[in-house]
């Protein structure tokens, strides 16, 4: 198992230093204004990012952190607390959550975003390998769900992503120690499967805008670890 420093590149120390964050927060204010006026987020990030000479990772952090006022209101209305999951069935966007928790376990960058969701900069683009932190990440996810006394956990993994089968096997092995029902599926289109579902566990912005309700599990995991995400807005 390799790539133990999930989601980290050496330039991050400079790109997200305290001084850099001040610049990013200024840029984010301009981009927020534009997207609330109807401009496309990516186009606004390019326009403002060029003006402030932001790096690609700085722009990515901003794009993952911001949302329009309408999106923020809808996501807040759909969010439900872990305390309300007793006996319920939950749906987990597997790679989305596990990779972010791997990043957390690797002490790499995490961002607390406008909607309260926690996001990272680990762009794997279909390539995924298990790393030493994977087991801890899965166990923390399952621990939090056990403490919430959920009744059933459905974990969906993207079939096109490499090593999805290995991750499924690891989750299944670890899951035997937990009291809830556990179903792990490898699917071609996880996103659309989660559209319309209730009690979805993800930070994927598109899914948050299409699901019936969602749970901010990663933020709860960060709280347990005493970690605070960076803010670029």
Protein backbone atom coordinates (compact mmCIF):
# COMPACT_ATOMS: atom_id res chain seq x y z
CA UNK A 1 0.00 0.00 0.00
CA UNK A 2 1.39 3.34 -1.10
CA UNK A 3 0.53 7.02 -1.37
CA UNK A 4 0.13 7.43 2.38
CA UNK A 5 -0.05 11.23 2.20
CA UNK A 6 -3.46 11.29 0.55
CA UNK A 7 -4.51 14.65 -0.89
CA UNK A 8 -1.24 16.51 -0.28
CA UNK A 9 1.23 18.25 -2.57
CA UNK A 10 4.26 20.20 -1.28
CA UNK A 11 2.98 23.49 -2.75
CA UNK A 12 -0.03 23.37 -0.41
CA UNK A 13 2.05 24.84 2.42
CA UNK A 14 2.49 28.00 0.37
CA UNK A 15 -0.88 27.96 -1.42
CA UNK A 16 -2.83 27.82 1.83
CA UNK A 17 -0.60 29.70 4.26
CA UNK A 18 -2.32 32.29 6.52
CA UNK A 19 -1.32 35.05 4.10
CA UNK A 20 -2.59 33.11 1.10
CA UNK A 21 -5.91 32.36 2.81
CA UNK A 22 -6.55 36.10 3.19
CA UNK A 23 -6.11 36.53 -0.56
CA UNK A 24 -8.36 33.54 -1.26
CA UNK A 25 -11.06 34.95 0.99
CA UNK A 26 -10.95 38.20 -0.96
CA UNK A 27 -11.19 36.32 -4.26
CA UNK A 28 -14.05 34.22 -2.87
CA UNK A 29 -16.07 37.34 -2.07
CA UNK A 30 -15.84 38.43 -5.71
CA UNK A 31 -16.71 34.96 -7.00
CA UNK A 32 -19.64 34.65 -4.58
CA UNK A 33 -21.05 37.92 -5.87
CA UNK A 34 -20.77 36.74 -9.47
CA UNK A 35 -22.39 33.33 -8.96
CA UNK A 36 -25.25 34.88 -7.02
CA UNK A 37 -25.76 37.17 -10.02
CA UNK A 38 -26.12 34.08 -12.23
CA UNK A 39 -22.58 33.57 -13.51
CA UNK A 40 -21.19 30.06 -13.88
CA UNK A 41 -18.95 29.06 -10.96
CA UNK A 42 -16.10 27.75 -13.09
CA UNK A 43 -16.10 30.78 -15.37
CA UNK A 44 -16.20 33.12 -12.39
CA UNK A 45 -13.31 31.25 -10.76
CA UNK A 46 -11.25 31.57 -13.96
CA UNK A 47 -11.99 35.29 -14.29
CA UNK A 48 -11.24 36.17 -10.67
CA UNK A 49 -8.48 33.57 -10.36
CA UNK A 50 -6.62 35.12 -13.29
CA UNK A 51 -6.94 38.57 -11.73
CA UNK A 52 -5.42 37.37 -8.44
CA UNK A 53 -3.02 34.94 -10.14
CA UNK A 54 -4.29 31.98 -8.15
CA UNK A 55 -2.89 28.48 -8.61
CA UNK A 56 -5.04 25.63 -9.90
CA UNK A 57 -5.34 24.12 -6.42
CA UNK A 58 -6.32 27.46 -4.93
CA UNK A 59 -9.06 27.79 -7.56
CA UNK A 60 -10.18 24.22 -6.93
CA UNK A 61 -10.42 24.88 -3.19
CA UNK A 62 -12.57 27.95 -3.84
CA UNK A 63 -14.84 26.15 -6.31
CA UNK A 64 -15.38 23.30 -3.87
CA UNK A 65 -16.06 25.71 -1.01
CA UNK A 66 -18.57 28.13 -2.52
CA UNK A 67 -22.24 27.85 -3.39
CA UNK A 68 -25.02 30.26 -4.26
CA UNK A 69 -27.39 31.58 -1.61
CA UNK A 70 -30.16 29.44 -3.10
CA UNK A 71 -28.02 26.29 -2.96
CA UNK A 72 -26.98 27.03 0.62
CA UNK A 73 -30.58 27.49 1.74
CA UNK A 74 -31.74 24.25 0.07
CA UNK A 75 -28.83 22.25 1.48
CA UNK A 76 -29.42 23.61 4.98
CA UNK A 77 -33.09 22.68 4.80
CA UNK A 78 -32.23 19.14 3.69
CA UNK A 79 -29.53 18.51 6.28
CA UNK A 80 -30.44 16.22 9.19
CA UNK A 81 -28.53 15.54 12.38
CA UNK A 82 -26.80 12.29 13.28
CA UNK A 83 -29.02 12.28 16.36
CA UNK A 84 -32.04 11.62 14.14
CA UNK A 85 -30.66 8.46 12.51
CA UNK A 86 -31.70 5.97 15.20
CA UNK A 87 -32.97 2.85 13.43
CA UNK A 88 -32.88 4.50 10.01
CA UNK A 89 -31.39 3.38 6.71
CA UNK A 90 -28.49 5.50 5.43
CA UNK A 91 -26.85 5.70 2.02
CA UNK A 92 -23.11 6.35 1.87
CA UNK A 93 -21.28 7.79 -1.14
CA UNK A 94 -18.39 5.42 -0.44
CA UNK A 95 -15.37 6.85 -2.23
CA UNK A 96 -16.43 10.42 -1.49
CA UNK A 97 -16.52 9.87 2.27
CA UNK A 98 -13.70 7.36 2.67
CA UNK A 99 -11.19 9.36 0.62
CA UNK A 100 -11.93 12.50 2.64
CA UNK A 101 -11.43 10.55 5.86
CA UNK A 102 -8.17 9.14 4.47
CA UNK A 103 -7.07 12.72 3.82
CA UNK A 104 -7.98 13.55 7.42
CA UNK A 105 -6.02 10.56 8.74
CA UNK A 106 -3.07 11.63 6.57
CA UNK A 107 -3.06 15.14 8.10
CA UNK A 108 -3.59 16.64 4.66
CA UNK A 109 -5.72 19.63 3.74
CA UNK A 110 -9.44 19.68 4.48
CA UNK A 111 -11.77 22.58 3.82
CA UNK A 112 -14.89 23.50 5.75
CA UNK A 113 -17.12 24.84 3.02
CA UNK A 114 -19.97 27.34 2.91
CA UNK A 115 -22.62 24.62 3.20
CA UNK A 116 -20.84 23.08 6.20
CA UNK A 117 -19.66 20.06 4.22
CA UNK A 118 -16.00 19.05 4.42
CA UNK A 119 -14.13 18.65 1.15
CA UNK A 120 -10.57 17.84 0.09
CA UNK A 121 -8.34 18.34 -2.95
CA UNK A 122 -7.61 14.68 -3.63
CA UNK A 123 -8.36 14.41 -7.35
CA UNK A 124 -7.96 10.69 -8.05
CA UNK A 125 -9.81 10.67 -11.40
CA UNK A 126 -10.56 6.97 -11.46
CA UNK A 127 -7.30 5.78 -9.90
CA UNK A 128 -7.49 4.63 -6.31
CA UNK A 129 -5.23 2.53 -4.10
CA UNK A 130 -5.75 1.41 -0.55
CA UNK A 131 -3.31 3.15 1.81
CA UNK A 132 -2.39 2.47 5.46
CA UNK A 133 -5.00 5.03 6.58
CA UNK A 134 -7.85 3.33 4.71
CA UNK A 135 -8.66 0.92 7.54
CA UNK A 136 -8.78 3.71 10.12
CA UNK A 137 -10.95 5.81 7.81
CA UNK A 138 -13.48 3.02 7.31
CA UNK A 139 -13.54 2.17 11.00
CA UNK A 140 -14.16 5.79 12.00
CA UNK A 141 -17.04 6.01 9.53
CA UNK A 142 -18.59 2.80 10.88
CA UNK A 143 -17.96 3.86 14.50
CA UNK A 144 -19.89 7.10 14.02
CA UNK A 145 -22.77 5.23 12.37
CA UNK A 146 -22.81 2.69 15.18
CA UNK A 147 -22.93 5.48 17.78
CA UNK A 148 -25.87 6.98 15.85
CA UNK A 149 -27.63 3.58 16.17
CA UNK A 150 -28.51 3.36 12.48
CA UNK A 151 -30.48 0.33 11.39
CA UNK A 152 -28.98 -0.29 7.95
CA UNK A 153 -25.98 1.06 6.06
CA UNK A 154 -25.79 0.99 2.26
CA UNK A 155 -22.33 1.85 0.95
CA UNK A 156 -22.11 2.55 -2.77
CA UNK A 157 -18.77 2.36 -4.60
CA UNK A 158 -18.08 3.54 -8.16
CA UNK A 159 -17.34 0.60 -10.46
CA UNK A 160 -15.12 2.61 -12.87
CA UNK A 161 -12.73 3.50 -10.03
CA UNK A 162 -9.77 1.13 -9.71
CA UNK A 163 -9.61 -1.19 -6.68
CA UNK A 164 -13.31 -0.70 -5.86
CA UNK A 165 -13.52 -4.46 -5.35
CA UNK A 166 -10.64 -4.45 -2.87
CA UNK A 167 -12.21 -1.61 -0.93
CA UNK A 168 -15.53 -3.46 -0.87
CA UNK A 169 -13.81 -6.53 0.61
CA UNK A 170 -12.07 -4.44 3.27
CA UNK A 171 -15.33 -2.73 4.29
CA UNK A 172 -17.11 -6.09 4.42
CA UNK A 173 -14.44 -7.58 6.66
CA UNK A 174 -14.45 -4.62 9.03
CA UNK A 175 -18.23 -4.39 8.96
CA UNK A 176 -18.67 -7.81 10.54
CA UNK A 177 -17.86 -6.26 13.92
CA UNK A 178 -20.81 -3.83 13.78
CA UNK A 179 -24.44 -4.43 14.77
CA UNK A 180 -26.26 -2.79 11.85
CA UNK A 181 -27.19 -4.38 8.53
CA UNK A 182 -24.51 -3.62 5.95
CA UNK A 183 -24.86 -3.76 2.17
CA UNK A 184 -21.98 -2.76 -0.12
CA UNK A 185 -22.65 -2.29 -3.82
CA UNK A 186 -20.31 -1.52 -6.70
CA UNK A 187 -22.29 0.49 -9.24
CA UNK A 188 -21.66 2.28 -12.51
CA UNK A 189 -23.54 5.44 -11.54
CA UNK A 190 -23.45 6.08 -7.80
CA UNK A 191 -24.46 9.73 -8.12
CA UNK A 192 -27.77 9.10 -9.85
CA UNK A 193 -28.54 6.21 -7.53
CA UNK A 194 -28.32 8.63 -4.60
CA UNK A 195 -30.58 11.25 -6.22
CA UNK A 196 -33.86 11.34 -4.30
CA UNK A 197 -32.60 9.16 -1.46
CA UNK A 198 -33.02 10.15 2.20
CA UNK A 199 -30.21 10.12 4.79
CA UNK A 200 -27.44 10.36 2.20
CA UNK A 201 -23.88 10.66 3.50
CA UNK A 202 -21.78 12.64 1.03
CA UNK A 203 -20.15 16.00 0.43
CA UNK A 204 -20.70 15.86 -3.34
CA UNK A 205 -22.39 19.18 -4.18
CA UNK A 206 -24.48 17.80 -7.04
CA UNK A 207 -25.82 14.96 -4.90
CA UNK A 208 -26.58 17.41 -2.06
CA UNK A 209 -28.73 19.38 -4.51
CA UNK A 210 -30.66 16.28 -5.62
CA UNK A 211 -31.10 14.10 -2.53
CA UNK A 212 -34.06 14.20 -0.15
CA UNK A 213 -31.87 14.67 2.93
CA UNK A 214 -28.20 14.41 3.87
CA UNK A 215 -25.99 13.90 6.90
CA UNK A 216 -22.68 15.69 7.54
CA UNK A 217 -20.78 12.66 8.83
CA UNK A 218 -17.31 13.92 7.93
CA UNK A 219 -17.74 17.04 10.07
CA UNK A 220 -18.64 14.78 13.00
CA UNK A 221 -15.48 12.74 12.39
CA UNK A 222 -13.37 15.90 12.35
CA UNK A 223 -14.92 17.02 15.61
CA UNK A 224 -13.97 13.69 17.19
CA UNK A 225 -10.38 14.17 16.05
CA UNK A 226 -10.28 17.82 17.13
CA UNK A 227 -9.50 18.97 13.59
CA UNK A 228 -10.68 22.18 11.97
CA UNK A 229 -10.85 22.61 8.22
CA UNK A 230 -9.39 25.62 6.46
CA UNK A 231 -11.79 28.26 5.13
CA UNK A 232 -11.15 30.04 1.84
CA UNK A 233 -14.26 32.21 1.95
